[in-house]
C-alpha cells in the first residue's frame, strides 16, 4: 500500500472505490484499526491511535461482505454489539427494535439467523452496526454477493440511514454506481495507491490519468495536441479532426482527449444540421451496435474510435446499423483533457 495521506472528514461518506485487488479492504481494515500500517500512522481526531486501539474500536462499527451472524435469533444478533459493550437490556431491546424496523426485518426478529437470505442477513448486519450508534461506520463491499434487485433496494435503505444519522462513514466498493449513490467524496485506489480524491462530480468529470478515466467509465480516450487557445476554448487536433474543449492548455502540448459515451448525441448525417448548443459536430460511421440493458452502445469511427450510448428508441428512430453515417455531437464542456507524453 502507498497512501501518503488520506483524510476522512467528520459526518461525510467517503467512498473508497477501485477495481478488485486494488487494496481497498486492506485500507479499510487499517482505518478500522484491525491491522497496523507497515509504515506511517493512523490518526483519530488528530491524535495517534497507538495504545488506544481497543478504546477507539468501541467507537466504531464495521460491516463486512460476509454478514458474520451467530446461530441465534435475528434480534439477538442485532443486539449483540450492544450486549458486548455492556448496554442495559432495555436499551438493547429499544435500539435493536428500531433498527430492525428501519431495515425492514422486524418481522424476522425471532427467526434464526442461519435461515435468512443473503439480503436479509446483510440487513441484520447493518441494523447491528447502526444500533451501536457509532461515531465511525466502516463498510467493506457489503452488497457484492447480492442480486441486483436486492442490492438496489438495500442501497436505498442504507442511503436513507446515512442521511438520518450523519455518521462519519467509509464505504468500500468496486461499483461505480454505489460510489455515485452514496459518496460525498471518492478516493480512487488503484494498485495500492490513492490516485485521486474529490467529489463524485470531480472524479467522474475530470479524472487525473488514463487509468482512472477508464475505471470511471470514460470510453473515448484518444491522443491529441492542443493547436491554439481562444476565448476559453482549446482547439485540439485529434486524428485529423479539430475538437473544441472548454479548458485552458498550452498550445503544442500533447494531451489525452476524454469523452464519456453518455455525452455523445447522434443525429442523421445531413447537409443542413439542426441548431444545437454542441460546439463539436463530427461526421462518423457506425461500426458496431452492442446491447447495454435498456440502452445500446454504438461504436463509431470519426477518424478515431468513439463510443456513444443511446436509448433503444433512438436506435430505432435513427435506423442505425453498421455502416450508417451519422453526426456525433458533444459540447466543449463535456471533453476533459489529461496531459500526455506522446510515445516515441
Protein backbone atom coordinates (compact mmCIF):
# COMPACT_ATOMS: atom_id res chain seq x y z
CA UNK A 1 0.00 0.00 0.00
CA UNK A 2 1.19 3.51 -0.81
CA UNK A 3 -1.17 6.03 0.79
CA UNK A 4 0.85 9.12 1.78
CA UNK A 5 -2.20 10.92 3.16
CA UNK A 6 -5.95 10.38 3.34
CA UNK A 7 -8.45 12.35 5.42
CA UNK A 8 -11.87 11.12 6.49
CA UNK A 9 -13.92 14.19 7.34
CA UNK A 10 -16.48 14.30 10.14
CA UNK A 11 -20.05 13.44 9.08
CA UNK A 12 -19.10 12.65 5.49
CA UNK A 13 -19.43 9.48 3.46
CA UNK A 14 -16.01 8.76 1.96
CA UNK A 15 -16.20 6.02 -0.67
CA UNK A 16 -13.00 4.14 -1.39
CA UNK A 17 -13.52 2.92 -4.93
CA UNK A 18 -11.32 0.88 -7.21
CA UNK A 19 -11.04 -2.40 -9.12
CA UNK A 20 -10.78 -5.77 -7.43
CA UNK A 21 -7.33 -6.34 -5.97
CA UNK A 22 -6.59 -2.64 -5.57
CA UNK A 23 -6.09 -2.91 -1.79
CA UNK A 24 -9.40 -1.38 -0.72
CA UNK A 25 -10.13 -3.93 2.03
CA UNK A 26 -6.61 -3.63 3.43
CA UNK A 27 -7.01 0.14 3.64
CA UNK A 28 -10.42 -0.17 5.33
CA UNK A 29 -9.09 -2.71 7.86
CA UNK A 30 -6.26 -0.31 8.63
CA UNK A 31 -8.70 2.54 9.18
CA UNK A 32 -10.81 0.22 11.35
CA UNK A 33 -7.69 -0.45 13.48
CA UNK A 34 -7.89 -4.17 12.70
CA UNK A 35 -4.36 -4.17 11.32
CA UNK A 36 -1.41 -1.83 11.67
CA UNK A 37 0.10 0.01 8.71
CA UNK A 38 3.51 -1.24 7.58
CA UNK A 39 4.67 2.35 7.72
CA UNK A 40 3.14 5.66 8.66
CA UNK A 41 0.40 6.03 11.25
CA UNK A 42 -3.33 6.39 11.71
CA UNK A 43 -4.75 9.42 13.50
CA UNK A 44 -8.15 9.69 15.17
CA UNK A 45 -9.36 13.25 15.77
CA UNK A 46 -5.81 14.39 15.04
CA UNK A 47 -4.13 12.14 17.62
CA UNK A 48 -2.16 8.91 17.02
CA UNK A 49 -4.16 5.75 17.71
CA UNK A 50 -1.19 3.82 19.14
CA UNK A 51 -2.10 2.38 22.53
CA UNK A 52 -5.78 3.33 22.13
CA UNK A 53 -6.92 0.80 19.53
CA UNK A 54 -9.37 -1.11 21.72
CA UNK A 55 -10.93 2.04 23.13
CA UNK A 56 -11.30 3.57 19.68
CA UNK A 57 -12.72 0.39 18.13
CA UNK A 58 -15.59 0.69 20.60
CA UNK A 59 -16.45 4.00 18.94
CA UNK A 60 -16.64 2.31 15.53
CA UNK A 61 -18.78 -0.27 13.77
CA UNK A 62 -17.67 -2.44 10.85
CA UNK A 63 -19.81 -4.26 8.27
CA UNK A 64 -18.15 -6.84 6.05
CA UNK A 65 -19.22 -8.55 2.83
CA UNK A 66 -19.99 -11.64 4.92
CA UNK A 67 -22.66 -10.67 7.49
CA UNK A 68 -20.97 -12.79 10.24
CA UNK A 69 -24.14 -13.70 12.15
CA UNK A 70 -24.34 -16.12 15.09
CA UNK A 71 -26.65 -19.14 15.27
CA UNK A 72 -29.13 -17.15 17.29
CA UNK A 73 -32.25 -15.13 16.58
CA UNK A 74 -32.12 -12.07 14.38
CA UNK A 75 -32.99 -9.88 17.38
CA UNK A 76 -30.12 -11.37 19.40
CA UNK A 77 -27.71 -10.75 16.52
CA UNK A 78 -28.80 -7.13 16.08
CA UNK A 79 -28.40 -6.51 19.84
CA UNK A 80 -25.13 -8.43 20.09
CA UNK A 81 -22.76 -5.48 19.81
CA UNK A 82 -24.69 -3.55 22.42
CA UNK A 83 -24.57 -6.53 24.79
CA UNK A 84 -20.81 -6.88 24.31
CA UNK A 85 -20.41 -3.21 25.12
CA UNK A 86 -22.43 -3.55 28.30
CA UNK A 87 -25.59 -1.67 27.30
CA UNK A 88 -28.57 -2.26 29.64
CA UNK A 89 -31.20 -4.73 28.39
CA UNK A 90 -33.92 -2.08 27.83
CA UNK A 91 -31.50 -0.06 25.68
CA UNK A 92 -30.55 -3.15 23.70
CA UNK A 93 -34.17 -4.01 23.03
CA UNK A 94 -35.13 -0.48 22.05
CA UNK A 95 -32.24 0.10 19.66
CA UNK A 96 -32.43 -3.35 18.12
CA UNK A 97 -36.17 -2.99 17.53
CA UNK A 98 -35.74 0.45 15.97
CA UNK A 99 -33.03 -0.58 13.53
CA UNK A 100 -34.71 -3.86 12.61
CA UNK A 101 -37.75 -1.77 11.71
CA UNK A 102 -35.65 0.73 9.75
CA UNK A 103 -34.08 -2.05 7.69
CA UNK A 104 -37.36 -3.91 7.22
CA UNK A 105 -36.61 -7.06 9.20
CA UNK A 106 -38.70 -6.56 12.33
CA UNK A 107 -40.94 -9.47 11.25
CA UNK A 108 -37.85 -11.70 11.31
CA UNK A 109 -36.84 -10.82 14.88
CA UNK A 110 -37.44 -14.34 16.27
CA UNK A 111 -36.14 -16.15 13.19
CA UNK A 112 -32.83 -17.98 13.42
CA UNK A 113 -30.17 -16.01 11.57
CA UNK A 114 -28.98 -19.11 9.72
CA UNK A 115 -32.33 -19.27 7.84
CA UNK A 116 -32.00 -15.78 6.35
CA UNK A 117 -31.45 -15.00 2.68
CA UNK A 118 -28.34 -13.09 1.71
CA UNK A 119 -30.18 -9.76 1.62
CA UNK A 120 -31.93 -10.38 4.93
CA UNK A 121 -28.66 -11.35 6.59
CA UNK A 122 -26.96 -8.17 5.37
CA UNK A 123 -29.89 -6.12 6.64
CA UNK A 124 -29.38 -7.71 10.06
CA UNK A 125 -25.67 -6.90 9.89
CA UNK A 126 -26.37 -3.27 9.01
CA UNK A 127 -29.02 -2.99 11.74
CA UNK A 128 -26.49 -4.34 14.26
CA UNK A 129 -23.94 -1.72 13.21
CA UNK A 130 -26.36 1.22 13.34
CA UNK A 131 -27.76 0.05 16.70
CA UNK A 132 -24.35 0.77 18.21
CA UNK A 133 -24.76 4.46 17.34
CA UNK A 134 -21.11 4.51 16.21
CA UNK A 135 -19.04 7.63 15.66
CA UNK A 136 -17.43 5.98 12.63
CA UNK A 137 -19.03 3.38 10.37
CA UNK A 138 -16.87 1.30 8.03
CA UNK A 139 -18.40 -0.90 5.32
CA UNK A 140 -16.39 -3.33 3.20
CA UNK A 141 -18.28 -4.12 -0.04
CA UNK A 142 -21.46 -5.16 1.83
CA UNK A 143 -23.55 -5.64 -1.33
CA UNK A 144 -21.16 -7.59 -3.57
CA UNK A 145 -22.79 -11.00 -3.04
CA UNK A 146 -26.37 -9.77 -3.51
CA UNK A 147 -28.54 -10.00 -6.62
CA UNK A 148 -29.28 -6.73 -8.42
CA UNK A 149 -32.86 -6.05 -7.17
CA UNK A 150 -31.85 -6.79 -3.57
CA UNK A 151 -28.73 -4.66 -3.89
CA UNK A 152 -30.63 -1.66 -5.27
CA UNK A 153 -33.28 -1.82 -2.55
CA UNK A 154 -30.75 -2.20 0.25
CA UNK A 155 -28.62 0.59 -1.19
CA UNK A 156 -31.64 2.91 -0.93
CA UNK A 157 -32.24 1.89 2.69
CA UNK A 158 -28.59 2.40 3.59
CA UNK A 159 -28.56 5.82 1.93
CA UNK A 160 -31.59 6.86 3.99
CA UNK A 161 -29.98 5.61 7.21
CA UNK A 162 -26.78 7.52 6.47
CA UNK A 163 -28.75 10.72 5.87
CA UNK A 164 -30.70 10.20 9.10
CA UNK A 165 -27.67 9.60 11.32
CA UNK A 166 -24.99 11.67 9.51
CA UNK A 167 -22.46 9.17 10.88
CA UNK A 168 -18.91 9.52 9.58
CA UNK A 169 -18.66 6.68 7.06
CA UNK A 170 -16.05 4.91 4.97
CA UNK A 171 -17.62 2.72 2.28
CA UNK A 172 -15.52 0.39 0.13
CA UNK A 173 -16.76 -0.73 -3.28
CA UNK A 174 -15.66 -1.56 -6.81
CA UNK A 175 -19.06 -0.50 -8.15
CA UNK A 176 -19.22 2.97 -9.73
CA UNK A 177 -22.99 3.19 -9.24
CA UNK A 178 -22.67 2.61 -5.49
CA UNK A 179 -19.93 5.22 -5.31
CA UNK A 180 -22.06 7.83 -7.06
CA UNK A 181 -25.14 6.96 -5.00
CA UNK A 182 -23.51 7.25 -1.57
CA UNK A 183 -20.32 9.25 -1.72
CA UNK A 184 -19.79 12.82 -0.58
CA UNK A 185 -16.18 12.28 -1.66
CA UNK A 186 -14.43 9.49 -3.52
CA UNK A 187 -10.92 8.15 -3.08
CA UNK A 188 -9.86 6.15 -6.14
CA UNK A 189 -7.48 3.36 -5.14
CA UNK A 190 -5.59 1.51 -7.88
CA UNK A 191 -2.60 -0.74 -7.46
CA UNK A 192 -2.41 0.06 -3.76
CA UNK A 193 -2.15 3.81 -4.40
CA UNK A 194 -4.68 6.57 -3.90
CA UNK A 195 -4.77 8.10 -7.36
CA UNK A 196 -7.43 10.77 -6.91
CA UNK A 197 -9.63 12.22 -4.16
CA UNK A 198 -12.55 14.53 -4.81
CA UNK A 199 -16.30 14.86 -5.07
CA UNK A 200 -18.02 12.33 -7.34
CA UNK A 201 -18.54 15.09 -9.89
CA UNK A 202 -14.83 15.99 -9.89
CA UNK A 203 -13.60 12.41 -10.15
CA UNK A 204 -16.04 11.31 -12.85
CA UNK A 205 -15.77 14.51 -14.92
CA UNK A 206 -12.05 15.24 -14.53
CA UNK A 207 -10.09 12.01 -13.90
CA UNK A 208 -6.39 12.63 -13.29
CA UNK A 209 -5.00 9.98 -15.62
CA UNK A 210 -5.94 7.44 -18.26
CA UNK A 211 -6.29 4.52 -15.84
CA UNK A 212 -8.67 6.42 -13.57
CA UNK A 213 -10.57 7.71 -16.61
CA UNK A 214 -11.12 4.16 -17.85
CA UNK A 215 -12.27 2.97 -14.44
CA UNK A 216 -14.86 5.75 -14.02
CA UNK A 217 -16.43 4.98 -17.40
CA UNK A 218 -14.68 7.21 -19.92
CA UNK A 219 -14.72 5.08 -23.09
CA UNK A 220 -13.31 7.52 -25.62
CA UNK A 221 -9.68 8.26 -24.77
CA UNK A 222 -7.61 9.40 -27.71
CA UNK A 223 -4.30 11.23 -28.12
CA UNK A 224 -4.36 14.80 -29.40
CA UNK A 225 -2.36 18.01 -29.48
CA UNK A 226 -3.51 21.47 -28.44
CA UNK A 227 -3.37 23.69 -31.51
CA UNK A 228 -4.40 27.02 -30.01
CA UNK A 229 -6.39 28.78 -27.30
CA UNK A 230 -9.04 31.42 -27.79
CA UNK A 231 -11.80 32.82 -25.58
CA UNK A 232 -11.55 29.99 -23.05
CA UNK A 233 -11.58 27.28 -25.71
CA UNK A 234 -8.76 24.97 -26.67
CA UNK A 235 -8.66 23.73 -30.26
CA UNK A 236 -7.24 20.21 -30.21
CA UNK A 237 -6.08 18.21 -33.21
CA UNK A 238 -7.32 14.63 -32.91
CA UNK A 239 -6.57 12.25 -35.78
CA UNK A 240 -7.18 14.91 -38.41
CA UNK A 241 -10.24 16.36 -36.66
CA UNK A 242 -10.45 19.54 -34.59
CA UNK A 243 -12.16 19.24 -31.23
CA UNK A 244 -13.13 22.29 -29.18
CA UNK A 245 -12.64 21.95 -25.42
CA UNK A 246 -13.71 24.39 -22.71
CA UNK A 247 -10.39 24.47 -20.87
CA UNK A 248 -7.03 26.16 -20.63
CA UNK A 249 -3.95 24.50 -22.02
CA UNK A 250 -0.57 25.09 -23.57
CA UNK A 251 -0.51 25.29 -27.37
CA UNK A 252 1.62 22.46 -28.71
CA UNK A 253 1.12 20.25 -25.65
CA UNK A 254 0.21 16.59 -26.05
CA UNK A 255 -3.00 15.53 -24.31
CA UNK A 256 -5.45 12.69 -23.97
CA UNK A 257 -8.93 13.71 -25.05
CA UNK A 258 -11.54 12.06 -22.78
CA UNK A 259 -15.25 11.83 -23.56
CA UNK A 260 -17.96 9.85 -21.79
CA UNK A 261 -20.36 7.90 -24.04
CA UNK A 262 -23.47 9.44 -22.47
CA UNK A 263 -22.25 12.91 -23.58
CA UNK A 264 -22.32 11.99 -27.29
CA UNK A 265 -25.53 12.75 -29.22
CA UNK A 266 -26.13 11.06 -32.56
CA UNK A 267 -28.13 12.51 -35.43
CA UNK A 268 -28.56 11.62 -39.09
CA UNK A 269 -25.93 12.87 -41.50
CA UNK A 270 -27.44 15.83 -43.38
CA UNK A 271 -26.43 18.89 -45.36
CA UNK A 272 -28.21 21.36 -43.08
CA UNK A 273 -27.76 20.40 -39.43
CA UNK A 274 -30.38 21.43 -36.91
CA UNK A 275 -29.43 24.10 -34.33
CA UNK A 276 -27.61 22.72 -31.28
CA UNK A 277 -25.57 24.03 -28.35
CA UNK A 278 -22.89 21.42 -29.04
CA UNK A 279 -19.77 23.04 -30.47
CA UNK A 280 -18.40 19.75 -31.76
CA UNK A 281 -20.15 18.00 -34.67
CA UNK A 282 -18.11 15.24 -36.24
CA UNK A 283 -19.13 13.03 -39.17
CA UNK A 284 -18.89 9.37 -38.15
CA UNK A 285 -19.67 5.87 -39.33
CA UNK A 286 -21.34 3.26 -37.13
CA UNK A 287 -19.06 0.24 -36.72
CA UNK A 288 -20.84 -1.86 -34.09
CA UNK A 289 -24.04 -1.78 -32.05
CA UNK A 290 -23.89 -3.50 -28.67
CA UNK A 291 -26.78 -4.14 -26.23
CA UNK A 292 -26.50 -2.50 -22.82
CA UNK A 293 -29.68 -3.22 -20.85
CA UNK A 294 -32.29 -0.56 -21.66
CA UNK A 295 -29.71 1.23 -23.82
CA UNK A 296 -27.36 0.39 -26.66
CA UNK A 297 -23.70 1.23 -27.04
CA UNK A 298 -22.74 2.47 -30.50
CA UNK A 299 -19.13 2.14 -31.59
CA UNK A 300 -18.21 4.87 -34.06
CA UNK A 301 -15.38 5.77 -36.40
CA UNK A 302 -14.96 9.54 -36.51
CA UNK A 303 -11.38 9.36 -37.73
CA UNK A 304 -10.72 7.95 -34.27
CA UNK A 305 -12.67 5.47 -32.18
CA UNK A 306 -15.61 6.93 -30.28
CA UNK A 307 -18.35 5.37 -28.17
CA UNK A 308 -21.89 6.67 -27.68
CA UNK A 309 -24.73 5.32 -25.59
CA UNK A 310 -28.33 5.89 -26.68
CA UNK A 311 -31.78 4.50 -25.93
CA UNK A 312 -33.29 1.67 -27.94
CA UNK A 313 -35.97 4.11 -29.08
CA UNK A 314 -33.30 6.43 -30.51
CA UNK A 315 -31.70 3.47 -32.25
CA UNK A 316 -34.99 2.69 -34.00
CA UNK A 317 -35.76 6.33 -34.83
CA UNK A 318 -32.31 6.81 -36.39
CA UNK A 319 -32.49 3.42 -38.16
CA UNK A 320 -28.90 2.76 -37.22
CA UNK A 321 -26.96 -0.25 -38.44
CA UNK A 322 -23.28 -0.97 -39.03
CA UNK A 323 -22.20 1.28 -41.89
CA UNK A 324 -24.74 4.04 -41.15
CA UNK A 325 -23.40 7.56 -41.48
CA UNK A 326 -24.21 9.90 -38.58
CA UNK A 327 -23.12 13.11 -36.93
CA UNK A 328 -21.68 12.75 -33.43
CA UNK A 329 -22.22 15.91 -31.40
CA UNK A 330 -20.90 16.83 -27.98
CA UNK A 331 -20.37 20.01 -26.00
CA UNK A 332 -16.99 21.59 -25.41
CA UNK A 333 -17.67 21.31 -21.68
CA UNK A 334 -18.12 17.53 -21.98
CA UNK A 335 -14.50 16.96 -23.00
CA UNK A 336 -11.72 16.55 -20.45
CA UNK A 337 -8.03 16.81 -21.27
CA UNK A 338 -5.30 14.89 -19.46
CA UNK A 339 -1.63 15.84 -20.00
CA UNK A 340 0.05 13.15 -22.05
CA UNK A 341 3.59 12.49 -23.13
CA UNK A 342 3.47 11.20 -26.69
CA UNK A 343 5.31 7.94 -27.24
CA UNK A 344 8.28 7.54 -29.49
